[in-house]
């Protein structure tokens, strides 16, 4: 089964370092307000999820969520979480680090998208 969200090795290493420092985390795909469309990183419990938030998957035991309306824009793509140098968005834990998460994407093949649609 194809995954809707995956992470690069660099992103997984960064996530592990943040987990060691802050404990359990969650990632939330920002919808473009304030800090753009960046994955936001929070301590587990510091961000309130709503009924319209969708769990896309987990990365190194860290859940990754996206709002239903934002998912409509991304549903044809696999989100690939990566890391770049420099501080992250202001409200994200990676804002105080020297690197930050970014979202890249890859369009699903027709077969992959058919698999994803069955999960919805």
Protein backbone atom coordinates (compact mmCIF):
# COMPACT_ATOMS: atom_id res chain seq x y z
CA UNK A 1 0.00 0.00 0.00
CA UNK A 2 1.31 3.41 -0.94
CA UNK A 3 1.75 5.89 1.90
CA UNK A 4 0.20 9.36 1.73
CA UNK A 5 3.09 10.94 3.62
CA UNK A 6 6.73 9.88 3.88
CA UNK A 7 9.94 11.47 5.15
CA UNK A 8 13.48 11.64 3.86
CA UNK A 9 16.27 10.17 5.97
CA UNK A 10 17.34 13.71 6.90
CA UNK A 11 13.82 14.57 8.06
CA UNK A 12 13.62 11.38 10.14
CA UNK A 13 16.98 12.17 11.77
CA UNK A 14 15.83 15.72 12.55
CA UNK A 15 12.53 14.41 13.92
CA UNK A 16 14.41 11.97 16.16
CA UNK A 17 16.60 14.80 17.51
CA UNK A 18 13.51 16.92 18.24
CA UNK A 19 11.82 13.94 19.97
CA UNK A 20 14.84 13.49 22.24
CA UNK A 21 14.67 17.16 23.19
CA UNK A 22 10.89 17.66 23.45
CA UNK A 23 9.30 14.22 23.79
CA UNK A 24 6.34 13.03 21.74
CA UNK A 25 5.51 15.27 18.77
CA UNK A 26 2.98 15.77 16.02
CA UNK A 27 3.32 17.37 12.60
CA UNK A 28 0.56 19.39 11.01
CA UNK A 29 0.54 20.57 7.40
CA UNK A 30 -0.06 24.32 7.52
CA UNK A 31 -2.70 25.71 5.21
CA UNK A 32 -0.76 28.72 3.98
CA UNK A 33 -1.60 31.32 6.61
CA UNK A 34 1.11 33.26 8.44
CA UNK A 35 3.99 30.86 7.84
CA UNK A 36 3.09 29.56 4.41
CA UNK A 37 2.46 25.92 3.62
CA UNK A 38 5.02 24.37 5.93
CA UNK A 39 4.73 21.33 8.13
CA UNK A 40 4.39 22.64 11.66
CA UNK A 41 5.97 20.68 14.51
CA UNK A 42 4.36 20.67 17.97
CA UNK A 43 4.76 18.83 21.24
CA UNK A 44 2.02 16.26 21.59
CA UNK A 45 -0.86 18.07 23.29
CA UNK A 46 0.22 21.60 22.31
CA UNK A 47 -1.97 21.71 19.19
CA UNK A 48 -5.70 21.10 19.25
CA UNK A 49 -6.90 18.86 16.47
CA UNK A 50 -10.44 19.29 15.19
CA UNK A 51 -13.03 17.05 13.61
CA UNK A 52 -11.93 18.21 10.14
CA UNK A 53 -8.29 17.20 10.64
CA UNK A 54 -7.13 14.04 8.84
CA UNK A 55 -4.35 11.73 9.97
CA UNK A 56 -2.31 11.12 6.80
CA UNK A 57 0.18 8.77 8.39
CA UNK A 58 3.04 8.51 10.83
CA UNK A 59 6.76 9.06 10.52
CA UNK A 60 8.97 7.51 13.18
CA UNK A 61 5.87 7.16 15.40
CA UNK A 62 5.04 10.85 14.91
CA UNK A 63 1.54 11.46 13.52
CA UNK A 64 1.14 13.77 10.54
CA UNK A 65 -2.17 15.64 10.18
CA UNK A 66 -3.72 17.92 7.58
CA UNK A 67 -7.00 19.84 7.54
CA UNK A 68 -9.67 18.33 5.29
CA UNK A 69 -9.87 21.44 3.08
CA UNK A 70 -6.08 21.49 2.63
CA UNK A 71 -6.13 17.77 1.87
CA UNK A 72 -8.41 18.47 -1.09
CA UNK A 73 -5.53 20.38 -2.71
CA UNK A 74 -2.96 17.66 -1.96
CA UNK A 75 -5.02 14.46 -2.33
CA UNK A 76 -3.47 13.52 -5.67
CA UNK A 77 0.04 13.71 -4.26
CA UNK A 78 2.27 11.93 -1.83
CA UNK A 79 3.70 14.41 0.65
CA UNK A 80 7.45 14.04 1.12
CA UNK A 81 8.71 15.72 4.29
CA UNK A 82 12.27 16.98 4.02
CA UNK A 83 14.60 19.38 5.84
CA UNK A 84 16.32 22.60 4.76
CA UNK A 85 18.82 24.84 6.55
CA UNK A 86 17.55 27.86 8.46
CA UNK A 87 14.89 28.47 11.08
CA UNK A 88 11.34 27.21 10.63
CA UNK A 89 7.94 28.91 10.94
CA UNK A 90 7.41 31.01 14.06
CA UNK A 91 4.84 28.74 15.72
CA UNK A 92 6.71 25.49 15.07
CA UNK A 93 9.29 23.84 17.33
CA UNK A 94 11.80 23.89 14.50
CA UNK A 95 11.70 27.71 14.55
CA UNK A 96 14.51 27.70 17.11
CA UNK A 97 16.66 25.20 15.27
CA UNK A 98 19.13 25.76 12.46
CA UNK A 99 17.01 23.70 10.06
CA UNK A 100 13.33 23.26 9.35
CA UNK A 101 10.82 20.89 7.79
CA UNK A 102 9.47 21.47 4.30
CA UNK A 103 6.88 19.66 2.22
CA UNK A 104 7.68 18.39 -1.23
CA UNK A 105 5.20 16.37 -3.22
CA UNK A 106 4.99 13.68 -5.85
CA UNK A 107 1.88 13.06 -7.94
CA UNK A 108 0.46 9.59 -7.40
CA UNK A 109 0.29 7.23 -10.34
CA UNK A 110 -3.25 6.26 -11.37
CA UNK A 111 -2.88 2.88 -9.63
CA UNK A 112 -1.59 4.50 -6.44
CA UNK A 113 -4.41 7.02 -6.39
CA UNK A 114 -6.98 4.24 -6.80
CA UNK A 115 -5.47 2.58 -3.70
CA UNK A 116 -5.66 5.86 -1.75
CA UNK A 117 -9.28 6.49 -2.74
CA UNK A 118 -10.26 3.14 -1.21
CA UNK A 119 -8.94 4.34 2.16
CA UNK A 120 -11.10 7.46 2.28
